Amino acid sequence: MTNYYQSDEFKEFLEPQTDRTEWIQKKLLDSGIDSCVLKLGEQKHIYVKFPLSSYNPLFKIKTILVHYDRIGIGANDNSAAVYQVIKWAQKLNTQLDFHNIRIIFTDGEEIGFDSENKNFQGALGIASIFKRLGLTNDDIYAIDSCGRGDVLVVSSTGKNSGSKDFTKKFNNLYENTIELAKKSCPEKWVTIPVPYSDNASFVAMGIPAIAITLLPKTEATSYMRELQKNHNLNNDVVNRSETSKDILPLTWKMMHTDQDCIENLTIESWSVMENFLDALAKDKSLA
C-alpha cells in the first residue's frame, strides 16, 4: 500500500512557509483542473471548476467542504483530508461519466475553535451565498481530520437542530450517508456526535450538512462506551465543553498541538477515505 503521507509532495504541503492557497491551485492545475479563489473578507476559499459534462441536473449535487487552514503543523487537521480530496479530484477529472461533485477548499474553519458561538466557522460566508442563491438541496459534507484511523465516522451532530422541514432533510441526508458508509466501509464505520466543523455554518443557515472524519478502532470504541454511560455528553462534545475533554479520543486531543504531525497519521486511513469518496461519486440520487 502506497504511503502518500510520506511523499515529498505532502511534506511540502506541511512546510510552514508553503502558500497553501497557491499550492492547492497548482496541484489541481497540474492535472488540468481549473479553480478560482472566492475571497470573502480575509478568507480565501478555493472553488474547483470541473467541466459542465461532470454534472447532470436530474441528480443531486454533492458538495464537499474541506478546510485547508490550520493551527500548527496540522497534518491530520486538516492537511491529510485536503490531500486526499486533491487526489480524488484528479481521479474524477479523468472520468467520462458525470459525478455531480462540487468541491470547495475552505479557509477560516479554525476561527471557530473554542468560540462559544459555532456560527463563527469559516464557511459561514459560503453557506450564506448558498442560501441566498437557493442552493439548499445539495448533499453537503464537511471532510475533516481523516488521516488517522481505520474507522469511518459519520457525525450525528445537527439532528433535531431546526424546523420540521430541516429535520426531515437532515435525516434523509444522514440515512443516505449511513448507507454509503455500510457499502464502502463494511463493519468499519460508526455514527457518533462529533465537534462541529464547516457543517456548523450550513446548519446555522438551515441547510443540512454532515461531517465525516476517521478514528482508530480502539478510540472509537472507547468513546462510544463513554457516550452510552452518559447521554448528556452528546451536547458537551458538540459544544466543546470542558466536561467532555477527558473522554475525547486521543486523535482529537492531538489537534492544535505538536502531536498533529506526519508520524501520527496512519496509512490505512487513505484506503478508508478513498473507498468512501469513490462511493460518494458513484451515488446518484434524484434531485
C-alpha atoms as a PDB file:
ATOM      1  CA  MET A   1       0.000   0.000   0.000  1.00  0.00           C
ATOM      2  CA  THR A   2       1.411   3.387  -1.006  1.00  0.00           C
ATOM      3  CA  ASN A   3       2.044   5.719   1.920  1.00  0.00           C
ATOM      4  CA  TYR A   4       1.028   9.051   0.415  1.00  0.00           C
ATOM      5  CA  TYR A   5       1.707  10.814   3.707  1.00  0.00           C
ATOM      6  CA  GLN A   6       5.432  10.122   3.337  1.00  0.00           C
ATOM      7  CA  SER A   7       5.596  11.627  -0.151  1.00  0.00           C
ATOM      8  CA  ASP A   8       7.746  14.695  -0.776  1.00  0.00           C
ATOM      9  CA  GLU A   9       4.628  16.373  -2.168  1.00  0.00           C
ATOM     10  CA  PHE A  10       2.662  16.037   1.075  1.00  0.00           C
ATOM     11  CA  LYS A  11       5.666  17.036   3.183  1.00  0.00           C
ATOM     12  CA  GLU A  12       5.991  20.188   1.076  1.00  0.00           C
ATOM     13  CA  PHE A  13       2.330  20.987   1.771  1.00  0.00           C
ATOM     14  CA  LEU A  14       3.059  20.814   5.514  1.00  0.00           C
ATOM     15  CA  GLU A  15       6.031  23.184   5.396  1.00  0.00           C
ATOM     16  CA  PRO A  16       5.342  26.373   7.417  1.00  0.00           C
ATOM     17  CA  GLN A  17       6.400  28.625   4.529  1.00  0.00           C
ATOM     18  CA  THR A  18       4.113  26.989   1.942  1.00  0.00           C
ATOM     19  CA  ASP A  19       1.424  29.262   0.499  1.00  0.00           C
ATOM     20  CA  ARG A  20      -1.353  26.704   0.793  1.00  0.00           C
ATOM     21  CA  THR A  21      -3.788  28.567  -1.462  1.00  0.00           C
ATOM     22  CA  GLU A  22      -1.291  28.656  -4.332  1.00  0.00           C
ATOM     23  CA  TRP A  23      -0.131  25.098  -3.629  1.00  0.00           C
ATOM     24  CA  ILE A  24      -3.631  23.612  -3.874  1.00  0.00           C
ATOM     25  CA  GLN A  25      -4.446  25.526  -7.053  1.00  0.00           C
ATOM     26  CA  LYS A  26      -1.154  24.479  -8.664  1.00  0.00           C
ATOM     27  CA  LYS A  27      -1.663  20.785  -7.859  1.00  0.00           C
ATOM     28  CA  LEU A  28      -5.127  20.962  -9.399  1.00  0.00           C
ATOM     29  CA  LEU A  29      -3.922  22.848 -12.475  1.00  0.00           C
ATOM     30  CA  ASP A  30      -1.057  20.378 -12.996  1.00  0.00           C
ATOM     31  CA  SER A  31      -3.794  17.775 -13.536  1.00  0.00           C
ATOM     32  CA  GLY A  32      -5.791  20.002 -15.867  1.00  0.00           C
ATOM     33  CA  ILE A  33      -8.292  21.125 -13.221  1.00  0.00           C
ATOM     34  CA  ASP A  34      -9.163  24.807 -13.089  1.00  0.00           C
ATOM     35  CA  SER A  35     -10.148  26.578  -9.875  1.00  0.00           C
ATOM     36  CA  CYS A  36     -10.881  30.056  -8.610  1.00  0.00           C
ATOM     37  CA  VAL A  37     -10.484  31.849  -5.295  1.00  0.00           C
ATOM     38  CA  LEU A  38     -13.636  33.139  -3.619  1.00  0.00           C
ATOM     39  CA  LYS A  39     -12.418  35.910  -1.332  1.00  0.00           C
ATOM     40  CA  LEU A  40     -14.866  36.598   1.479  1.00  0.00           C
ATOM     41  CA  GLY A  41     -13.393  39.070   3.935  1.00  0.00           C
ATOM     42  CA  GLU A  42      -9.954  37.796   4.909  1.00  0.00           C
ATOM     43  CA  GLN A  43     -10.739  34.248   3.867  1.00  0.00           C
ATOM     44  CA  LYS A  44      -9.738  32.664   0.564  1.00  0.00           C
ATOM     45  CA  HIS A  45     -11.962  29.735  -0.391  1.00  0.00           C
ATOM     46  CA  ILE A  46     -10.950  27.656  -3.419  1.00  0.00           C
ATOM     47  CA  TYR A  47     -13.734  26.535  -5.760  1.00  0.00           C
ATOM     48  CA  VAL A  48     -12.879  23.597  -8.032  1.00  0.00           C
ATOM     49  CA  LYS A  49     -14.184  24.081 -11.579  1.00  0.00           C
ATOM     50  CA  PHE A  50     -14.954  20.726 -13.138  1.00  0.00           C
ATOM     51  CA  PRO A  51     -16.261  20.803 -16.746  1.00  0.00           C
ATOM     52  CA  LEU A  52     -20.025  21.070 -17.271  1.00  0.00           C
ATOM     53  CA  SER A  53     -20.059  17.479 -18.529  1.00  0.00           C
ATOM     54  CA  SER A  54     -19.331  16.397 -14.942  1.00  0.00           C
ATOM     55  CA  TYR A  55     -22.877  17.357 -13.928  1.00  0.00           C
ATOM     56  CA  ASN A  56     -26.363  16.068 -14.653  1.00  0.00           C
ATOM     57  CA  PRO A  57     -29.202  18.339 -13.417  1.00  0.00           C
ATOM     58  CA  LEU A  58     -31.516  15.354 -12.914  1.00  0.00           C
ATOM     59  CA  PHE A  59     -29.431  14.260  -9.933  1.00  0.00           C
ATOM     60  CA  LYS A  60     -28.378  15.877  -6.676  1.00  0.00           C
ATOM     61  CA  ILE A  61     -25.137  17.817  -6.378  1.00  0.00           C
ATOM     62  CA  LYS A  62     -22.812  16.529  -3.664  1.00  0.00           C
ATOM     63  CA  THR A  63     -20.854  19.419  -2.163  1.00  0.00           C
ATOM     64  CA  ILE A  64     -17.581  18.624  -0.398  1.00  0.00           C
ATOM     65  CA  LEU A  65     -16.163  21.135   2.090  1.00  0.00           C
ATOM     66  CA  VAL A  66     -12.585  20.567   3.222  1.00  0.00           C
ATOM     67  CA  HIS A  67     -10.817  23.304   5.183  1.00  0.00           C
ATOM     68  CA  TYR A  68      -7.176  23.958   4.386  1.00  0.00           C
ATOM     69  CA  ASP A  69      -6.324  26.483   7.103  1.00  0.00           C
ATOM     70  CA  ARG A  70      -4.561  25.079  10.137  1.00  0.00           C
ATOM     71  CA  ILE A  71      -3.201  25.696  13.611  1.00  0.00           C
ATOM     72  CA  GLY A  72       0.376  24.471  13.977  1.00  0.00           C
ATOM     73  CA  ILE A  73       1.561  21.571  11.808  1.00  0.00           C
ATOM     74  CA  GLY A  74      -1.980  20.397  11.094  1.00  0.00           C
ATOM     75  CA  ALA A  75      -1.082  17.063   9.495  1.00  0.00           C
ATOM     76  CA  ASN A  76      -4.424  15.485  10.396  1.00  0.00           C
ATOM     77  CA  ASP A  77      -6.351  18.719  10.926  1.00  0.00           C
ATOM     78  CA  ASN A  78      -6.771  19.144   8.049  1.00  0.00           C
ATOM     79  CA  SER A  79      -3.894  18.604   5.619  1.00  0.00           C
ATOM     80  CA  ALA A  80      -4.468  14.866   5.149  1.00  0.00           C
ATOM     81  CA  ALA A  81      -8.088  15.350   4.046  1.00  0.00           C
ATOM     82  CA  VAL A  82      -7.084  18.167   1.690  1.00  0.00           C
ATOM     83  CA  TYR A  83      -4.510  15.890   0.069  1.00  0.00           C
ATOM     84  CA  GLN A  84      -6.998  13.013  -0.144  1.00  0.00           C
ATOM     85  CA  VAL A  85      -9.564  15.239  -1.856  1.00  0.00           C
ATOM     86  CA  ILE A  86      -6.987  16.657  -4.299  1.00  0.00           C
ATOM     87  CA  LYS A  87      -6.030  13.124  -5.373  1.00  0.00           C
ATOM     88  CA  TRP A  88      -9.730  12.251  -5.626  1.00  0.00           C
ATOM     89  CA  ALA A  89     -10.410  15.343  -7.761  1.00  0.00           C
ATOM     90  CA  GLN A  90      -7.616  14.276 -10.105  1.00  0.00           C
ATOM     91  CA  LYS A  91      -9.284  10.870 -10.454  1.00  0.00           C
ATOM     92  CA  LEU A  92     -12.731  12.410 -11.013  1.00  0.00           C
ATOM     93  CA  ASN A  93     -11.336  14.619 -13.746  1.00  0.00           C
ATOM     94  CA  THR A  94     -10.433  11.556 -15.828  1.00  0.00           C
ATOM     95  CA  GLN A  95     -13.942  10.051 -15.634  1.00  0.00           C
ATOM     96  CA  LEU A  96     -16.119  10.039 -18.729  1.00  0.00           C
ATOM     97  CA  ASP A  97     -19.359   9.764 -16.752  1.00  0.00           C
ATOM     98  CA  PHE A  98     -20.862  12.611 -14.711  1.00  0.00           C
ATOM     99  CA  HIS A  99     -20.213  12.609 -10.949  1.00  0.00           C
ATOM    100  CA  ASN A 100     -22.092  15.710  -9.690  1.00  0.00           C
ATOM    101  CA  ILE A 101     -19.329  16.515  -7.194  1.00  0.00           C
ATOM    102  CA  ARG A 102     -18.738  20.125  -6.128  1.00  0.00           C
ATOM    103  CA  ILE A 103     -15.519  20.691  -4.147  1.00  0.00           C
ATOM    104  CA  ILE A 104     -14.700  23.762  -2.062  1.00  0.00           C
ATOM    105  CA  PHE A 105     -11.455  24.039  -0.111  1.00  0.00           C
ATOM    106  CA  THR A 106     -12.468  26.376   2.699  1.00  0.00           C
ATOM    107  CA  ASP A 107     -10.469  28.888   4.697  1.00  0.00           C
ATOM    108  CA  GLY A 108     -11.008  30.117   8.260  1.00  0.00           C
ATOM    109  CA  GLU A 109     -12.560  26.984   9.806  1.00  0.00           C
ATOM    110  CA  GLU A 110     -10.139  27.212  12.711  1.00  0.00           C
ATOM    111  CA  ILE A 111     -11.519  30.662  13.586  1.00  0.00           C
ATOM    112  CA  GLY A 112     -14.402  28.852  15.260  1.00  0.00           C
ATOM    113  CA  PHE A 113     -12.173  26.814  17.585  1.00  0.00           C
ATOM    114  CA  ASP A 114     -13.085  27.361  21.260  1.00  0.00           C
ATOM    115  CA  SER A 115     -15.629  30.004  20.305  1.00  0.00           C
ATOM    116  CA  GLU A 116     -18.898  29.989  22.232  1.00  0.00           C
ATOM    117  CA  ASN A 117     -20.737  30.751  19.004  1.00  0.00           C
ATOM    118  CA  LYS A 118     -20.386  27.928  16.483  1.00  0.00           C
ATOM    119  CA  ASN A 119     -21.614  30.299  13.759  1.00  0.00           C
ATOM    120  CA  PHE A 120     -18.142  31.831  13.586  1.00  0.00           C
ATOM    121  CA  GLN A 121     -16.923  28.964  11.428  1.00  0.00           C
ATOM    122  CA  GLY A 122     -15.053  29.947   8.290  1.00  0.00           C
ATOM    123  CA  ALA A 123     -17.630  28.566   5.855  1.00  0.00           C
ATOM    124  CA  LEU A 124     -20.403  30.863   7.077  1.00  0.00           C
ATOM    125  CA  GLY A 125     -19.897  33.204   4.119  1.00  0.00           C
ATOM    126  CA  ILE A 126     -20.239  30.302   1.684  1.00  0.00           C
ATOM    127  CA  ALA A 127     -23.310  28.992   3.498  1.00  0.00           C
ATOM    128  CA  SER A 128     -24.862  32.467   3.248  1.00  0.00           C
ATOM    129  CA  ILE A 129     -24.264  32.514  -0.515  1.00  0.00           C
ATOM    130  CA  PHE A 130     -25.780  29.047  -0.880  1.00  0.00           C
ATOM    131  CA  LYS A 131     -28.906  30.176   0.968  1.00  0.00           C
ATOM    132  CA  ARG A 132     -29.191  33.420  -0.996  1.00  0.00           C
ATOM    133  CA  LEU A 133     -28.918  31.533  -4.306  1.00  0.00           C
ATOM    134  CA  GLY A 134     -31.398  28.892  -3.193  1.00  0.00           C
ATOM    135  CA  LEU A 135     -28.788  26.107  -3.241  1.00  0.00           C
ATOM    136  CA  THR A 136     -30.349  24.303  -0.311  1.00  0.00           C
ATOM    137  CA  ASN A 137     -30.847  20.811  -1.723  1.00  0.00           C
ATOM    138  CA  ASP A 138     -27.225  19.704  -2.141  1.00  0.00           C
ATOM    139  CA  ASP A 139     -25.890  16.773  -0.147  1.00  0.00           C
ATOM    140  CA  ILE A 140     -23.226  18.633   1.841  1.00  0.00           C
ATOM    141  CA  TYR A 141     -20.275  17.024   3.591  1.00  0.00           C
ATOM    142  CA  ALA A 142     -17.503  18.545   5.707  1.00  0.00           C
ATOM    143  CA  ILE A 143     -14.443  16.292   5.375  1.00  0.00           C
ATOM    144  CA  ASP A 144     -12.273  16.881   8.432  1.00  0.00           C
ATOM    145  CA  SER A 145      -9.354  15.106  10.130  1.00  0.00           C
ATOM    146  CA  CYS A 146      -9.298  11.949   8.026  1.00  0.00           C
ATOM    147  CA  GLY A 147      -5.635  10.963   8.163  1.00  0.00           C
ATOM    148  CA  ARG A 148      -5.608   8.835  11.294  1.00  0.00           C
ATOM    149  CA  GLY A 149      -7.586   5.674  11.942  1.00  0.00           C
ATOM    150  CA  ASP A 150      -9.356   2.806  10.226  1.00  0.00           C
ATOM    151  CA  VAL A 151     -12.973   3.550  11.184  1.00  0.00           C
ATOM    152  CA  LEU A 152     -15.140   5.942   9.167  1.00  0.00           C
ATOM    153  CA  VAL A 153     -17.118   8.265  11.434  1.00  0.00           C
ATOM    154  CA  VAL A 154     -20.436   9.705  10.253  1.00  0.00           C
ATOM    155  CA  SER A 155     -21.276  12.599  12.555  1.00  0.00           C
ATOM    156  CA  SER A 156     -24.762  12.642  14.062  1.00  0.00           C
ATOM    157  CA  THR A 157     -24.286  16.296  15.037  1.00  0.00           C
ATOM    158  CA  GLY A 158     -27.012  18.569  13.702  1.00  0.00           C
ATOM    159  CA  LYS A 159     -30.004  16.273  14.095  1.00  0.00           C
ATOM    160  CA  ASN A 160     -33.102  17.930  15.561  1.00  0.00           C
ATOM    161  CA  SER A 161     -31.481  21.366  15.423  1.00  0.00           C
ATOM    162  CA  GLY A 162     -34.015  23.106  13.215  1.00  0.00           C
ATOM    163  CA  SER A 163     -37.537  23.126  11.815  1.00  0.00           C
ATOM    164  CA  LYS A 164     -39.517  20.027  10.883  1.00  0.00           C
ATOM    165  CA  ASP A 165     -38.559  20.567   7.249  1.00  0.00           C
ATOM    166  CA  PHE A 166     -34.873  20.860   8.184  1.00  0.00           C
ATOM    167  CA  THR A 167     -35.049  17.749  10.357  1.00  0.00           C
ATOM    168  CA  LYS A 168     -36.669  15.761   7.548  1.00  0.00           C
ATOM    169  CA  LYS A 169     -33.997  16.838   5.036  1.00  0.00           C
ATOM    170  CA  PHE A 170     -31.188  16.245   7.523  1.00  0.00           C
ATOM    171  CA  ASN A 171     -32.450  12.769   8.353  1.00  0.00           C
ATOM    172  CA  ASN A 172     -32.665  11.883   4.648  1.00  0.00           C
ATOM    173  CA  LEU A 173     -29.058  13.003   4.150  1.00  0.00           C
ATOM    174  CA  TYR A 174     -27.973  11.210   7.315  1.00  0.00           C
ATOM    175  CA  GLU A 175     -29.614   7.910   6.333  1.00  0.00           C
ATOM    176  CA  ASN A 176     -28.164   8.082   2.824  1.00  0.00           C
ATOM    177  CA  THR A 177     -24.708   8.703   4.302  1.00  0.00           C
ATOM    178  CA  ILE A 178     -25.096   5.699   6.606  1.00  0.00           C
ATOM    179  CA  GLU A 179     -25.917   3.549   3.575  1.00  0.00           C
ATOM    180  CA  LEU A 180     -22.810   4.820   1.785  1.00  0.00           C
ATOM    181  CA  ALA A 181     -20.718   4.025   4.869  1.00  0.00           C
ATOM    182  CA  LYS A 182     -22.128   0.495   5.018  1.00  0.00           C
ATOM    183  CA  LYS A 183     -21.336  -0.129   1.354  1.00  0.00           C
ATOM    184  CA  SER A 184     -17.879   1.433   1.259  1.00  0.00           C
ATOM    185  CA  CYS A 185     -16.598   0.535   4.743  1.00  0.00           C
ATOM    186  CA  PRO A 186     -18.458  -2.617   5.859  1.00  0.00           C
ATOM    187  CA  GLU A 187     -18.003  -3.232   9.594  1.00  0.00           C
ATOM    188  CA  LYS A 188     -15.593  -0.285   9.717  1.00  0.00           C
ATOM    189  CA  TRP A 189     -17.880   2.652  10.365  1.00  0.00           C
ATOM    190  CA  VAL A 190     -19.714   4.257  13.282  1.00  0.00           C
ATOM    191  CA  THR A 191     -22.038   7.192  13.815  1.00  0.00           C
ATOM    192  CA  ILE A 192     -21.370   9.388  16.847  1.00  0.00           C
ATOM    193  CA  PRO A 193     -21.537  13.066  17.820  1.00  0.00           C
ATOM    194  CA  VAL A 194     -18.519  14.974  16.528  1.00  0.00           C
ATOM    195  CA  PRO A 195     -17.488  18.568  17.349  1.00  0.00           C
ATOM    196  CA  TYR A 196     -18.707  20.991  14.698  1.00  0.00           C
ATOM    197  CA  SER A 197     -16.598  21.609  11.594  1.00  0.00           C
ATOM    198  CA  ASP A 198     -17.641  23.563   8.477  1.00  0.00           C
ATOM    199  CA  ASN A 199     -21.003  21.794   8.705  1.00  0.00           C
ATOM    200  CA  ALA A 200     -21.879  24.198  11.550  1.00  0.00           C
ATOM    201  CA  SER A 201     -22.159  27.148   9.185  1.00  0.00           C
ATOM    202  CA  PHE A 202     -24.625  25.369   6.911  1.00  0.00           C
ATOM    203  CA  VAL A 203     -26.694  24.003   9.790  1.00  0.00           C
ATOM    204  CA  ALA A 204     -26.859  27.553  11.190  1.00  0.00           C
ATOM    205  CA  MET A 205     -28.295  28.661   7.834  1.00  0.00           C
ATOM    206  CA  GLY A 206     -30.893  25.908   7.889  1.00  0.00           C
ATOM    207  CA  ILE A 207     -29.059  23.787   5.308  1.00  0.00           C
ATOM    208  CA  PRO A 208     -28.350  20.163   6.313  1.00  0.00           C
ATOM    209  CA  ALA A 209     -24.668  19.185   6.312  1.00  0.00           C
ATOM    210  CA  ILE A 210     -22.796  16.249   7.799  1.00  0.00           C
ATOM    211  CA  ALA A 211     -19.202  15.950   8.998  1.00  0.00           C
ATOM    212  CA  ILE A 212     -17.095  12.945   8.034  1.00  0.00           C
ATOM    213  CA  THR A 213     -13.971  12.027   9.998  1.00  0.00           C
ATOM    214  CA  LEU A 214     -11.857   8.998  10.951  1.00  0.00           C
ATOM    215  CA  LEU A 215     -10.764   7.398  14.220  1.00  0.00           C
ATOM    216  CA  PRO A 216      -8.690   4.364  15.189  1.00  0.00           C
ATOM    217  CA  LYS A 217     -10.981   1.471  16.161  1.00  0.00           C
ATOM    218  CA  THR A 218      -9.839   1.412  19.801  1.00  0.00           C
ATOM    219  CA  GLU A 219     -10.529   5.137  20.210  1.00  0.00           C
ATOM    220  CA  ALA A 220     -13.933   4.951  18.522  1.00  0.00           C
ATOM    221  CA  THR A 221     -14.967   2.004  20.723  1.00  0.00           C
ATOM    222  CA  SER A 222     -13.850   3.689  23.944  1.00  0.00           C
ATOM    223  CA  TYR A 223     -15.574   6.944  23.001  1.00  0.00           C
ATOM    224  CA  MET A 224     -18.852   5.157  22.216  1.00  0.00           C
ATOM    225  CA  ARG A 225     -18.769   3.423  25.607  1.00  0.00           C
ATOM    226  CA  GLU A 226     -18.405   6.775  27.374  1.00  0.00           C
ATOM    227  CA  LEU A 227     -21.326   8.229  25.420  1.00  0.00           C
ATOM    228  CA  GLN A 228     -23.502   5.253  26.359  1.00  0.00           C
ATOM    229  CA  LYS A 229     -22.702   5.802  30.036  1.00  0.00           C
ATOM    230  CA  ASN A 230     -23.615   9.483  29.958  1.00  0.00           C
ATOM    231  CA  HIS A 231     -26.047  10.721  27.304  1.00  0.00           C
ATOM    232  CA  ASN A 232     -25.500  14.327  28.421  1.00  0.00           C
ATOM    233  CA  LEU A 233     -22.030  14.134  26.911  1.00  0.00           C
ATOM    234  CA  ASN A 234     -23.512  14.433  23.423  1.00  0.00           C
ATOM    235  CA  ASN A 235     -24.153  18.166  23.738  1.00  0.00           C
ATOM    236  CA  ASP A 236     -20.929  18.715  25.682  1.00  0.00           C
ATOM    237  CA  VAL A 237     -18.895  17.207  22.848  1.00  0.00           C
ATOM    238  CA  VAL A 238     -20.659  19.205  20.146  1.00  0.00           C
ATOM    239  CA  ASN A 239     -20.104  22.475  22.005  1.00  0.00           C
ATOM    240  CA  ARG A 240     -16.529  21.593  23.065  1.00  0.00           C
ATOM    241  CA  SER A 241     -17.440  21.814  26.753  1.00  0.00           C
ATOM    242  CA  GLU A 242     -14.685  21.388  29.357  1.00  0.00           C
ATOM    243  CA  THR A 243     -16.588  18.451  30.865  1.00  0.00           C
ATOM    244  CA  SER A 244     -16.132  16.419  27.685  1.00  0.00           C
ATOM    245  CA  LYS A 245     -12.388  16.874  27.220  1.00  0.00           C
ATOM    246  CA  ASP A 246     -11.318  13.898  29.318  1.00  0.00           C
ATOM    247  CA  ILE A 247     -13.375  11.411  27.319  1.00  0.00           C
ATOM    248  CA  LEU A 248     -12.452  12.678  23.856  1.00  0.00           C
ATOM    249  CA  PRO A 249     -10.476  10.323  21.591  1.00  0.00           C
ATOM    250  CA  LEU A 250      -6.694  10.809  21.636  1.00  0.00           C
ATOM    251  CA  THR A 251      -6.812  11.732  17.944  1.00  0.00           C
ATOM    252  CA  TRP A 252      -8.942  14.784  18.748  1.00  0.00           C
ATOM    253  CA  LYS A 253      -6.770  15.737  21.711  1.00  0.00           C
ATOM    254  CA  MET A 254      -3.768  15.874  19.372  1.00  0.00           C
ATOM    255  CA  MET A 255      -5.360  18.620  17.280  1.00  0.00           C
ATOM    256  CA  HIS A 256      -3.711  22.042  17.532  1.00  0.00           C
ATOM    257  CA  THR A 257      -0.653  20.510  19.217  1.00  0.00           C
ATOM    258  CA  ASP A 258       2.771  19.350  18.031  1.00  0.00           C
ATOM    259  CA  GLN A 259       1.368  15.813  18.107  1.00  0.00           C
ATOM    260  CA  ASP A 260      -0.672  16.537  14.977  1.00  0.00           C
ATOM    261  CA  CYS A 261       2.247  15.500  12.774  1.00  0.00           C
ATOM    262  CA  ILE A 262       3.023  13.059   9.955  1.00  0.00           C
ATOM    263  CA  GLU A 263       4.298  10.457  12.406  1.00  0.00           C
ATOM    264  CA  ASN A 264       0.826  10.129  13.937  1.00  0.00           C
ATOM    265  CA  LEU A 265      -1.010   9.646  10.641  1.00  0.00           C
ATOM    266  CA  THR A 266      -1.875   6.059   9.723  1.00  0.00           C
ATOM    267  CA  ILE A 267      -1.512   4.523   6.282  1.00  0.00           C
ATOM    268  CA  GLU A 268      -4.830   2.597   6.461  1.00  0.00           C
ATOM    269  CA  SER A 269      -6.787   5.857   6.659  1.00  0.00           C
ATOM    270  CA  TRP A 270      -6.078   6.512   2.983  1.00  0.00           C
ATOM    271  CA  SER A 271      -7.909   3.446   1.656  1.00  0.00           C
ATOM    272  CA  VAL A 272     -10.872   4.006   4.008  1.00  0.00           C
ATOM    273  CA  MET A 273     -11.384   7.534   2.697  1.00  0.00           C
ATOM    274  CA  GLU A 274     -10.686   6.507  -0.891  1.00  0.00           C
ATOM    275  CA  ASN A 275     -13.445   3.892  -0.695  1.00  0.00           C
ATOM    276  CA  PHE A 276     -15.941   6.321   0.830  1.00  0.00           C
ATOM    277  CA  LEU A 277     -15.207   9.162  -1.592  1.00  0.00           C
ATOM    278  CA  ASP A 278     -15.413   6.837  -4.602  1.00  0.00           C
ATOM    279  CA  ALA A 279     -18.780   5.547  -3.356  1.00  0.00           C
ATOM    280  CA  LEU A 280     -19.968   9.129  -2.926  1.00  0.00           C
ATOM    281  CA  ALA A 281     -19.032   9.975  -6.515  1.00  0.00           C
ATOM    282  CA  LYS A 282     -20.926   6.942  -7.812  1.00  0.00           C
ATOM    283  CA  ASP A 283     -24.034   7.664  -5.725  1.00  0.00           C
ATOM    284  CA  LYS A 284     -26.839   9.075  -7.863  1.00  0.00           C
ATOM    285  CA  SER A 285     -29.873  10.492  -6.055  1.00  0.00           C
ATOM    286  CA  LEU A 286     -32.631  12.228  -7.986  1.00  0.00           C
ATOM    287  CA  ALA A 287     -32.745  15.984  -7.429  1.00  0.00           C
END
